[in-house]
Amino acid sequence: MRSGVTLIELLVVLVLLGLLFAVSGLALASLGAPRTSQRVRTLEAAGARAIQTGSSVSVMDSASPVLFLPDGRAVGGGVDPLSGAPLAKR
C-alpha cells in the first residue's frame, strides 16, 4: 500500500482554500466605509463650514436650497432641521 496525496485530493484542497479566501475577501471588502452621494458630502461639508466659521452657509443644489446656521441647524428641504443631516429620499 502506497502512502501519499493524490492529484484529486490536492485539487479538492486547493478549491476549498480558494473558496475560503474568496468569501473572506468579500467579507473584508464590505467592512469599508459606506459610499455617500455627492449631495450628502456637499451638505455635510457646508454644515461643518458653518460651524467652523460661525457664519451661515447656503447650499443651492438641484433638490432644494439649504441654509446652515452657525449652531449646526439647517433650514430648507431635504435636511433634518436639528442635526442638519440629509433626509433619506422616499
N, C-alpha and C. Protein backbone atom coordinates (compact mmCIF):
# COMPACT_ATOMS: atom_id res chain seq x y z
N MET A 1 0.83 -1.18 0.00
CA MET A 1 0.00 0.00 0.00
C MET A 1 0.88 1.25 0.00
N ARG A 2 0.59 2.15 -0.90
CA ARG A 2 1.38 3.37 -1.01
C ARG A 2 0.75 4.48 -0.18
N SER A 3 1.58 5.31 0.41
CA SER A 3 1.07 6.46 1.15
C SER A 3 1.44 7.72 0.38
N GLY A 4 0.60 8.73 0.48
CA GLY A 4 0.84 9.97 -0.24
C GLY A 4 -0.46 10.66 -0.57
N VAL A 5 -0.37 11.70 -1.35
CA VAL A 5 -1.53 12.50 -1.70
C VAL A 5 -1.76 12.38 -3.19
N THR A 6 -2.99 12.12 -3.56
CA THR A 6 -3.29 12.03 -4.98
C THR A 6 -3.56 13.42 -5.54
N LEU A 7 -3.56 13.49 -6.86
CA LEU A 7 -3.81 14.76 -7.52
C LEU A 7 -5.24 15.24 -7.25
N ILE A 8 -6.19 14.36 -7.19
CA ILE A 8 -7.58 14.73 -6.90
C ILE A 8 -7.69 15.34 -5.51
N GLU A 9 -7.07 14.73 -4.52
CA GLU A 9 -7.11 15.27 -3.15
C GLU A 9 -6.48 16.66 -3.09
N LEU A 10 -5.39 16.83 -3.79
CA LEU A 10 -4.72 18.13 -3.82
C LEU A 10 -5.61 19.19 -4.46
N LEU A 11 -6.28 18.84 -5.56
CA LEU A 11 -7.18 19.78 -6.23
C LEU A 11 -8.37 20.14 -5.34
N VAL A 12 -8.92 19.17 -4.62
CA VAL A 12 -10.05 19.44 -3.73
C VAL A 12 -9.64 20.42 -2.64
N VAL A 13 -8.48 20.22 -2.06
CA VAL A 13 -8.00 21.13 -1.01
C VAL A 13 -7.76 22.53 -1.57
N LEU A 14 -7.20 22.62 -2.75
CA LEU A 14 -6.95 23.94 -3.35
C LEU A 14 -8.25 24.67 -3.68
N VAL A 15 -9.25 23.93 -4.15
CA VAL A 15 -10.55 24.55 -4.44
C VAL A 15 -11.19 25.04 -3.15
N LEU A 16 -11.13 24.25 -2.09
CA LEU A 16 -11.70 24.68 -0.81
C LEU A 16 -10.98 25.90 -0.25
N LEU A 17 -9.68 25.94 -0.36
CA LEU A 17 -8.92 27.12 0.08
C LEU A 17 -9.28 28.35 -0.75
N GLY A 18 -9.45 28.16 -2.05
CA GLY A 18 -9.84 29.27 -2.91
C GLY A 18 -11.20 29.83 -2.53
N LEU A 19 -12.15 28.96 -2.24
CA LEU A 19 -13.48 29.41 -1.81
C LEU A 19 -13.40 30.14 -0.47
N LEU A 20 -12.59 29.63 0.43
CA LEU A 20 -12.43 30.27 1.74
C LEU A 20 -11.85 31.67 1.59
N PHE A 21 -10.83 31.83 0.75
CA PHE A 21 -10.23 33.15 0.55
C PHE A 21 -11.19 34.10 -0.17
N ALA A 22 -11.97 33.58 -1.10
CA ALA A 22 -12.92 34.43 -1.81
C ALA A 22 -14.00 34.95 -0.88
N VAL A 23 -14.53 34.10 -0.03
CA VAL A 23 -15.57 34.52 0.91
C VAL A 23 -15.01 35.51 1.93
N SER A 24 -13.82 35.24 2.44
CA SER A 24 -13.24 36.15 3.43
C SER A 24 -12.86 37.48 2.78
N GLY A 25 -12.44 37.46 1.53
CA GLY A 25 -12.14 38.71 0.83
C GLY A 25 -13.37 39.58 0.65
N LEU A 26 -14.49 38.96 0.31
CA LEU A 26 -15.74 39.71 0.18
C LEU A 26 -16.18 40.27 1.51
N ALA A 27 -15.99 39.51 2.58
CA ALA A 27 -16.39 39.99 3.90
C ALA A 27 -15.52 41.18 4.32
N LEU A 28 -14.24 41.12 4.04
CA LEU A 28 -13.36 42.23 4.39
C LEU A 28 -13.65 43.47 3.55
N ALA A 29 -14.02 43.28 2.30
CA ALA A 29 -14.32 44.42 1.43
C ALA A 29 -15.57 45.16 1.91
N SER A 30 -16.49 44.44 2.52
CA SER A 30 -17.72 45.10 2.98
C SER A 30 -17.51 45.88 4.28
N LEU A 31 -16.35 45.76 4.89
CA LEU A 31 -16.08 46.49 6.13
C LEU A 31 -15.67 47.93 5.89
N GLY A 32 -15.47 48.30 4.65
CA GLY A 32 -15.06 49.66 4.32
C GLY A 32 -16.15 50.68 4.61
N ALA A 33 -15.80 51.93 4.52
CA ALA A 33 -16.77 53.00 4.76
C ALA A 33 -17.85 52.97 3.68
N PRO A 34 -19.07 53.23 4.05
CA PRO A 34 -20.14 53.22 3.05
C PRO A 34 -19.98 54.40 2.09
N ARG A 35 -20.42 54.18 0.87
CA ARG A 35 -20.34 55.25 -0.13
C ARG A 35 -21.47 56.24 0.10
N THR A 36 -21.15 57.50 -0.05
CA THR A 36 -22.17 58.53 0.10
C THR A 36 -22.27 59.30 -1.22
N SER A 37 -23.42 59.86 -1.46
CA SER A 37 -23.62 60.60 -2.70
C SER A 37 -22.91 61.96 -2.62
N GLN A 38 -22.75 62.56 -3.77
CA GLN A 38 -22.12 63.88 -3.83
C GLN A 38 -22.95 64.91 -3.08
N ARG A 39 -24.28 64.80 -3.15
CA ARG A 39 -25.16 65.74 -2.44
C ARG A 39 -24.96 65.66 -0.94
N VAL A 40 -24.87 64.44 -0.41
CA VAL A 40 -24.67 64.26 1.03
C VAL A 40 -23.32 64.83 1.45
N ARG A 41 -22.27 64.57 0.66
CA ARG A 41 -20.95 65.10 1.00
C ARG A 41 -20.94 66.62 0.98
N THR A 42 -21.64 67.22 0.00
CA THR A 42 -21.71 68.68 -0.09
C THR A 42 -22.44 69.27 1.12
N LEU A 43 -23.56 68.66 1.49
CA LEU A 43 -24.32 69.17 2.64
C LEU A 43 -23.54 69.01 3.95
N GLU A 44 -22.86 67.88 4.11
CA GLU A 44 -22.07 67.69 5.34
C GLU A 44 -20.93 68.71 5.42
N ALA A 45 -20.28 68.96 4.29
CA ALA A 45 -19.18 69.94 4.28
C ALA A 45 -19.69 71.34 4.57
N ALA A 46 -20.85 71.68 4.03
CA ALA A 46 -21.41 73.01 4.28
C ALA A 46 -21.80 73.17 5.74
N GLY A 47 -22.36 72.14 6.34
CA GLY A 47 -22.70 72.21 7.76
C GLY A 47 -21.47 72.38 8.63
N ALA A 48 -20.41 71.64 8.31
CA ALA A 48 -19.17 71.76 9.07
C ALA A 48 -18.55 73.15 8.88
N ARG A 49 -18.61 73.69 7.66
CA ARG A 49 -18.07 75.02 7.40
C ARG A 49 -18.83 76.09 8.17
N ALA A 50 -20.15 75.94 8.28
CA ALA A 50 -20.95 76.92 9.02
C ALA A 50 -20.57 76.92 10.50
N ILE A 51 -20.35 75.74 11.06
CA ILE A 51 -19.97 75.66 12.48
C ILE A 51 -18.57 76.21 12.69
N GLN A 52 -17.64 75.89 11.80
CA GLN A 52 -16.25 76.33 11.95
C GLN A 52 -16.10 77.84 11.80
N THR A 53 -16.79 78.41 10.82
CA THR A 53 -16.62 79.84 10.57
C THR A 53 -17.54 80.70 11.42
N GLY A 54 -18.60 80.12 11.96
CA GLY A 54 -19.53 80.89 12.77
C GLY A 54 -20.45 81.77 11.96
N SER A 55 -20.58 81.46 10.68
CA SER A 55 -21.49 82.24 9.83
C SER A 55 -22.37 81.28 9.04
N SER A 56 -23.48 81.80 8.54
CA SER A 56 -24.41 80.98 7.79
C SER A 56 -23.82 80.61 6.44
N VAL A 57 -24.12 79.39 6.00
CA VAL A 57 -23.66 78.91 4.71
C VAL A 57 -24.86 78.36 3.97
N SER A 58 -25.05 78.82 2.73
CA SER A 58 -26.17 78.32 1.95
C SER A 58 -25.66 77.41 0.84
N VAL A 59 -26.47 76.40 0.55
CA VAL A 59 -26.14 75.45 -0.50
C VAL A 59 -27.32 75.43 -1.46
N MET A 60 -27.04 75.70 -2.71
CA MET A 60 -28.07 75.64 -3.75
C MET A 60 -27.82 74.39 -4.56
N ASP A 61 -28.62 73.37 -4.32
CA ASP A 61 -28.49 72.16 -5.12
C ASP A 61 -29.78 71.93 -5.90
N SER A 62 -29.79 70.89 -6.68
CA SER A 62 -30.95 70.65 -7.55
C SER A 62 -32.21 70.27 -6.77
N ALA A 63 -32.06 69.68 -5.58
CA ALA A 63 -33.23 69.26 -4.80
C ALA A 63 -33.95 70.47 -4.22
N SER A 64 -33.26 71.23 -3.39
CA SER A 64 -33.82 72.44 -2.80
C SER A 64 -32.71 73.17 -2.07
N PRO A 65 -32.83 74.49 -1.95
CA PRO A 65 -31.79 75.24 -1.24
C PRO A 65 -31.81 74.94 0.26
N VAL A 66 -30.63 74.92 0.84
CA VAL A 66 -30.48 74.64 2.27
C VAL A 66 -29.58 75.72 2.86
N LEU A 67 -29.99 76.24 4.02
CA LEU A 67 -29.19 77.24 4.74
C LEU A 67 -28.74 76.62 6.06
N PHE A 68 -27.42 76.54 6.25
CA PHE A 68 -26.87 76.03 7.50
C PHE A 68 -26.54 77.20 8.41
N LEU A 69 -27.05 77.15 9.62
CA LEU A 69 -26.83 78.20 10.61
C LEU A 69 -25.57 77.90 11.41
N PRO A 70 -24.97 78.91 12.04
CA PRO A 70 -23.71 78.69 12.76
C PRO A 70 -23.80 77.69 13.91
N ASP A 71 -25.00 77.44 14.44
CA ASP A 71 -25.10 76.47 15.54
C ASP A 71 -25.31 75.05 15.05
N GLY A 72 -25.26 74.81 13.73
CA GLY A 72 -25.36 73.47 13.18
C GLY A 72 -26.74 73.10 12.67
N ARG A 73 -27.74 73.92 12.95
CA ARG A 73 -29.08 73.62 12.43
C ARG A 73 -29.14 73.94 10.94
N ALA A 74 -30.12 73.33 10.28
CA ALA A 74 -30.30 73.56 8.85
C ALA A 74 -31.73 73.98 8.58
N VAL A 75 -31.89 74.89 7.63
CA VAL A 75 -33.21 75.35 7.22
C VAL A 75 -33.33 75.08 5.73
N GLY A 76 -34.37 74.36 5.36
CA GLY A 76 -34.59 74.06 3.95
C GLY A 76 -35.10 72.65 3.79
N GLY A 77 -35.39 72.30 2.56
CA GLY A 77 -35.94 70.99 2.28
C GLY A 77 -34.86 69.93 2.17
N GLY A 78 -35.20 68.73 2.58
CA GLY A 78 -34.29 67.60 2.41
C GLY A 78 -33.28 67.41 3.51
N VAL A 79 -33.36 68.20 4.60
CA VAL A 79 -32.44 68.02 5.72
C VAL A 79 -33.21 68.02 7.03
N ASP A 80 -32.64 67.36 8.03
CA ASP A 80 -33.21 67.36 9.37
C ASP A 80 -32.92 68.73 9.98
N PRO A 81 -33.92 69.46 10.47
CA PRO A 81 -33.69 70.81 10.97
C PRO A 81 -32.80 70.88 12.20
N LEU A 82 -32.73 69.84 13.01
CA LEU A 82 -31.90 69.89 14.21
C LEU A 82 -30.47 69.44 13.97
N SER A 83 -30.30 68.36 13.23
CA SER A 83 -28.95 67.84 13.05
C SER A 83 -28.29 68.31 11.76
N GLY A 84 -29.10 68.76 10.79
CA GLY A 84 -28.54 69.16 9.50
C GLY A 84 -28.21 67.97 8.62
N ALA A 85 -28.56 66.76 9.06
CA ALA A 85 -28.27 65.56 8.29
C ALA A 85 -29.25 65.45 7.13
N PRO A 86 -28.77 65.05 5.96
CA PRO A 86 -29.69 64.87 4.83
C PRO A 86 -30.71 63.76 5.13
N LEU A 87 -31.96 64.02 4.78
CA LEU A 87 -33.00 63.04 4.99
C LEU A 87 -33.00 62.02 3.87
N ALA A 88 -33.43 60.81 4.19
CA ALA A 88 -33.50 59.75 3.17
C ALA A 88 -34.60 60.09 2.18
N LYS A 89 -34.33 59.84 0.92
CA LYS A 89 -35.34 60.11 -0.11
C LYS A 89 -36.38 59.02 -0.08
N ARG A 90 -37.61 59.39 -0.29
CA ARG A 90 -38.70 58.41 -0.27
C ARG A 90 -39.05 57.94 -1.65
